[in-house]
Amino acid sequence: MNCNSGTDVVLLASSLAILIAGDLNVDDINILGSLFNAIGDNLAIIAAKKQSISQGNT
């Protein structure tokens, strides 16, 4: 994904959140929010590990 200022990603994320939440109740929105946070955290861990490996650290 190629974004110059990052605002494209912010707009995409907020638009998706609004669309997803539209027909859900509060409990379902909370569960999905927690799931997406967990996915983001795990992606950050994977990226950090890959970067560490590419720099010769294990």
Protein backbone atom coordinates (compact mmCIF):
# COMPACT_ATOMS: atom_id res chain seq x y z
CA MET A 1 0.00 0.00 0.00
CA ASN A 2 1.48 3.33 -1.05
CA CYS A 3 0.17 6.39 0.82
CA ASN A 4 2.04 9.67 0.83
CA SER A 5 0.62 11.27 3.96
CA GLY A 6 -1.15 8.38 5.63
CA THR A 7 -4.49 10.14 5.58
CA ASP A 8 -5.76 7.68 2.97
CA VAL A 9 -5.35 4.86 5.47
CA VAL A 10 -7.07 6.85 8.23
CA LEU A 11 -10.00 7.60 5.93
CA LEU A 12 -10.23 3.96 4.87
CA ALA A 13 -10.11 2.70 8.47
CA SER A 14 -12.77 5.10 9.72
CA SER A 15 -15.04 4.38 6.75
CA LEU A 16 -14.74 0.63 7.30
CA ALA A 17 -15.45 1.00 11.02
CA ILE A 18 -18.60 2.98 10.31
CA LEU A 19 -19.79 0.44 7.73
CA ILE A 20 -19.04 -2.57 9.93
CA ALA A 21 -20.65 -1.09 13.05
CA GLY A 22 -23.81 -0.02 11.24
CA ASP A 23 -25.90 -3.12 11.90
CA LEU A 24 -24.17 -4.45 15.04
CA ASN A 25 -25.07 -4.10 18.68
CA VAL A 26 -22.66 -2.66 21.24
CA ASP A 27 -21.45 -6.08 22.43
CA ASP A 28 -20.62 -7.21 18.90
CA ILE A 29 -18.82 -3.94 18.17
CA ASN A 30 -16.73 -4.37 21.33
CA ILE A 31 -15.84 -7.96 20.41
CA LEU A 32 -14.81 -6.99 16.88
CA GLY A 33 -12.83 -4.02 18.17
CA SER A 34 -10.93 -6.27 20.56
CA LEU A 35 -10.32 -8.81 17.80
CA PHE A 36 -8.95 -6.17 15.43
CA ASN A 37 -6.71 -4.81 18.22
CA ALA A 38 -5.36 -8.30 18.84
CA ILE A 39 -4.70 -8.77 15.12
CA GLY A 40 -2.86 -5.42 15.01
CA ASP A 41 -0.76 -6.31 18.04
CA ASN A 42 0.19 -9.66 16.54
CA LEU A 43 1.09 -8.05 13.20
CA ALA A 44 3.36 -5.61 15.05
CA ILE A 45 5.08 -8.52 16.85
CA ILE A 46 5.59 -10.37 13.56
CA ALA A 47 7.00 -7.23 11.89
CA ALA A 48 9.37 -6.60 14.80
CA LYS A 49 10.61 -10.19 14.71
CA LYS A 50 11.13 -10.09 10.93
CA GLN A 51 13.03 -6.82 11.25
CA SER A 52 15.17 -8.28 14.03
CA ILE A 53 15.98 -11.33 11.91
CA SER A 54 16.84 -9.19 8.86
CA GLN A 55 19.27 -7.20 11.02
CA GLY A 56 21.01 -10.38 12.09
CA ASN A 57 19.47 -10.61 15.56
CA THR A 58 17.62 -13.71 16.70
